[in-house]
Amino acid sequence: MAFLDAASSSLATVMSFDGATWNHVGSAGFSASWVESLDLVIDASNQLFAAYQDWGNAGKATVMRFAQTPTPTPTAAPPVPAAGPAGTIALLLGMGALVIRRRRR
């Protein structure tokens, strides 16, 4: 699950449930600034991606990939080209590609 974490200055946090407890995936509050419109997708190789409207980047879309090192670590994907704020974001997987869908408000 991904959410705007009030306990971490309204930054993005991702957590997973192991059947008994909720655990952070990477660090709590990993985004550079406050976010909106978070979405998650997991590909066929269990690679986790999170996308969100990033207000530290003028409201443009940011995509983070959680590298499967000893502990999952979020790393920024290449910037998403956009002329203005992203609005509502959805991540989709299709034919081996990660697609970000943006809908401006």
C-alpha atoms as a PDB file:
ATOM      1  CA  MET A   1       0.000   0.000   0.000  1.00  0.00           C
ATOM      2  CA  ALA A   2       1.200   3.528  -0.751  1.00  0.00           C
ATOM      3  CA  PHE A   3       0.031   6.614   1.070  1.00  0.00           C
ATOM      4  CA  LEU A   4       0.745  10.220   1.995  1.00  0.00           C
ATOM      5  CA  ASP A   5       2.280   9.731   5.441  1.00  0.00           C
ATOM      6  CA  ALA A   6       1.302  12.481   7.907  1.00  0.00           C
ATOM      7  CA  ALA A   7       3.789  11.026  10.408  1.00  0.00           C
ATOM      8  CA  SER A   8       6.570  11.651   7.851  1.00  0.00           C
ATOM      9  CA  SER A   9       5.801  15.279   6.897  1.00  0.00           C
ATOM     10  CA  SER A  10       3.219  14.181   4.278  1.00  0.00           C
ATOM     11  CA  LEU A  11       5.842  12.383   2.202  1.00  0.00           C
ATOM     12  CA  ALA A  12       5.175   9.122   0.334  1.00  0.00           C
ATOM     13  CA  THR A  13       5.456   5.833   2.236  1.00  0.00           C
ATOM     14  CA  VAL A  14       4.985   2.267   0.976  1.00  0.00           C
ATOM     15  CA  MET A  15       4.136  -0.635   3.290  1.00  0.00           C
ATOM     16  CA  SER A  16       3.457  -4.345   2.855  1.00  0.00           C
ATOM     17  CA  PHE A  17       1.556  -6.834   5.013  1.00  0.00           C
ATOM     18  CA  ASP A  18       3.310 -10.127   5.798  1.00  0.00           C
ATOM     19  CA  GLY A  19       0.226 -11.856   7.225  1.00  0.00           C
ATOM     20  CA  ALA A  20       0.813 -10.612  10.768  1.00  0.00           C
ATOM     21  CA  THR A  21       2.245  -7.072  10.674  1.00  0.00           C
ATOM     22  CA  TRP A  22       2.643  -4.055   8.384  1.00  0.00           C
ATOM     23  CA  ASN A  23       6.253  -3.318   7.375  1.00  0.00           C
ATOM     24  CA  HIS A  24       7.847  -0.378   5.569  1.00  0.00           C
ATOM     25  CA  VAL A  25       9.108  -1.062   2.062  1.00  0.00           C
ATOM     26  CA  GLY A  26      12.214   1.071   1.940  1.00  0.00           C
ATOM     27  CA  SER A  27      12.216   4.126   4.192  1.00  0.00           C
ATOM     28  CA  ALA A  28       9.106   5.838   5.499  1.00  0.00           C
ATOM     29  CA  GLY A  29       8.679   9.198   3.795  1.00  0.00           C
ATOM     30  CA  PHE A  30      10.958   8.464   0.818  1.00  0.00           C
ATOM     31  CA  SER A  31       9.697  11.222  -1.504  1.00  0.00           C
ATOM     32  CA  ALA A  32      11.541  14.548  -1.698  1.00  0.00           C
ATOM     33  CA  SER A  33       8.388  16.586  -1.062  1.00  0.00           C
ATOM     34  CA  TRP A  34       4.685  16.096  -0.345  1.00  0.00           C
ATOM     35  CA  VAL A  35       2.756  14.045  -2.886  1.00  0.00           C
ATOM     36  CA  GLU A  36      -0.718  13.317  -4.240  1.00  0.00           C
ATOM     37  CA  SER A  37      -2.259  10.639  -6.425  1.00  0.00           C
ATOM     38  CA  LEU A  38      -0.057   7.674  -5.499  1.00  0.00           C
ATOM     39  CA  ASP A  39      -0.253   4.415  -7.435  1.00  0.00           C
ATOM     40  CA  LEU A  40       1.681   1.129  -7.216  1.00  0.00           C
ATOM     41  CA  VAL A  41       2.335  -1.699  -9.630  1.00  0.00           C
ATOM     42  CA  ILE A  42       4.334  -4.931  -9.305  1.00  0.00           C
ATOM     43  CA  ASP A  43       5.693  -6.511 -12.473  1.00  0.00           C
ATOM     44  CA  ALA A  44       6.079 -10.220 -13.273  1.00  0.00           C
ATOM     45  CA  SER A  45       9.509 -10.338 -11.589  1.00  0.00           C
ATOM     46  CA  ASN A  46       8.114  -8.804  -8.351  1.00  0.00           C
ATOM     47  CA  GLN A  47       9.687  -5.405  -9.085  1.00  0.00           C
ATOM     48  CA  LEU A  48       7.702  -2.691  -7.286  1.00  0.00           C
ATOM     49  CA  PHE A  49       7.126   0.741  -8.844  1.00  0.00           C
ATOM     50  CA  ALA A  50       5.396   3.734  -7.243  1.00  0.00           C
ATOM     51  CA  ALA A  51       4.238   6.839  -9.104  1.00  0.00           C
ATOM     52  CA  TYR A  52       2.877  10.056  -7.689  1.00  0.00           C
ATOM     53  CA  GLN A  53       2.226  13.706  -8.336  1.00  0.00           C
ATOM     54  CA  ASP A  54       5.369  15.312  -6.913  1.00  0.00           C
ATOM     55  CA  TRP A  55       4.892  18.818  -5.492  1.00  0.00           C
ATOM     56  CA  GLY A  56       8.659  19.127  -5.063  1.00  0.00           C
ATOM     57  CA  ASN A  57       8.734  19.037  -8.878  1.00  0.00           C
ATOM     58  CA  ALA A  58       5.911  21.482  -9.726  1.00  0.00           C
ATOM     59  CA  GLY A  59       3.264  18.736  -9.448  1.00  0.00           C
ATOM     60  CA  LYS A  60       4.790  16.637 -12.237  1.00  0.00           C
ATOM     61  CA  ALA A  61       4.771  12.835 -12.151  1.00  0.00           C
ATOM     62  CA  THR A  62       7.611  10.984 -10.448  1.00  0.00           C
ATOM     63  CA  VAL A  63       8.174   7.220 -10.722  1.00  0.00           C
ATOM     64  CA  MET A  64      10.248   5.350  -8.161  1.00  0.00           C
ATOM     65  CA  ARG A  65      11.564   1.803  -8.560  1.00  0.00           C
ATOM     66  CA  PHE A  66      12.194  -0.223  -5.417  1.00  0.00           C
ATOM     67  CA  ALA A  67      15.461  -2.102  -6.004  1.00  0.00           C
ATOM     68  CA  GLN A  68      15.535  -5.563  -4.422  1.00  0.00           C
ATOM     69  CA  THR A  69      18.830  -5.178  -2.573  1.00  0.00           C
ATOM     70  CA  PRO A  70      19.148  -6.584   0.952  1.00  0.00           C
ATOM     71  CA  THR A  71      16.296  -4.206   1.815  1.00  0.00           C
ATOM     72  CA  PRO A  72      14.049  -2.577  -0.807  1.00  0.00           C
ATOM     73  CA  THR A  73      15.431   0.857  -1.694  1.00  0.00           C
ATOM     74  CA  PRO A  74      13.521   3.421  -3.780  1.00  0.00           C
ATOM     75  CA  THR A  75      15.450   4.882  -6.702  1.00  0.00           C
ATOM     76  CA  ALA A  76      14.142   7.459  -9.142  1.00  0.00           C
ATOM     77  CA  ALA A  77      13.302   6.350 -12.658  1.00  0.00           C
ATOM     78  CA  PRO A  78      14.093   8.782 -15.502  1.00  0.00           C
ATOM     79  CA  PRO A  79      11.965  11.952 -15.279  1.00  0.00           C
ATOM     80  CA  VAL A  80       8.481  11.756 -16.794  1.00  0.00           C
ATOM     81  CA  PRO A  81       8.217  14.388 -19.553  1.00  0.00           C
ATOM     82  CA  ALA A  82       5.350  16.743 -18.773  1.00  0.00           C
ATOM     83  CA  ALA A  83       4.511  20.343 -19.479  1.00  0.00           C
ATOM     84  CA  GLY A  84       2.605  20.884 -16.241  1.00  0.00           C
ATOM     85  CA  PRO A  85       1.079  19.221 -13.191  1.00  0.00           C
ATOM     86  CA  ALA A  86       0.283  15.546 -13.627  1.00  0.00           C
ATOM     87  CA  GLY A  87      -3.129  15.386 -11.970  1.00  0.00           C
ATOM     88  CA  THR A  88      -4.434  11.858 -11.374  1.00  0.00           C
ATOM     89  CA  ILE A  89      -1.819   9.150 -11.987  1.00  0.00           C
ATOM     90  CA  ALA A  90      -2.216   5.460 -12.789  1.00  0.00           C
ATOM     91  CA  LEU A  91       0.570   2.965 -13.466  1.00  0.00           C
ATOM     92  CA  LEU A  92      -0.120   0.169 -15.944  1.00  0.00           C
ATOM     93  CA  LEU A  93       1.883  -2.832 -17.101  1.00  0.00           C
ATOM     94  CA  GLY A  94       1.485  -4.127 -20.611  1.00  0.00           C
ATOM     95  CA  MET A  95       3.607  -6.189 -22.963  1.00  0.00           C
ATOM     96  CA  GLY A  96       6.643  -5.821 -20.687  1.00  0.00           C
ATOM     97  CA  ALA A  97       6.431  -2.029 -20.472  1.00  0.00           C
ATOM     98  CA  LEU A  98       5.592   0.291 -17.609  1.00  0.00           C
ATOM     99  CA  VAL A  99       3.119   2.978 -18.680  1.00  0.00           C
ATOM    100  CA  ILE A 100       2.096   6.012 -16.683  1.00  0.00           C
ATOM    101  CA  ARG A 101      -1.336   7.448 -17.382  1.00  0.00           C
ATOM    102  CA  ARG A 102      -1.956  11.050 -16.398  1.00  0.00           C
ATOM    103  CA  ARG A 103      -5.268  12.823 -16.244  1.00  0.00           C
ATOM    104  CA  ARG A 104      -5.175  16.524 -15.554  1.00  0.00           C
ATOM    105  CA  ARG A 105      -7.785  17.999 -13.303  1.00  0.00           C
END
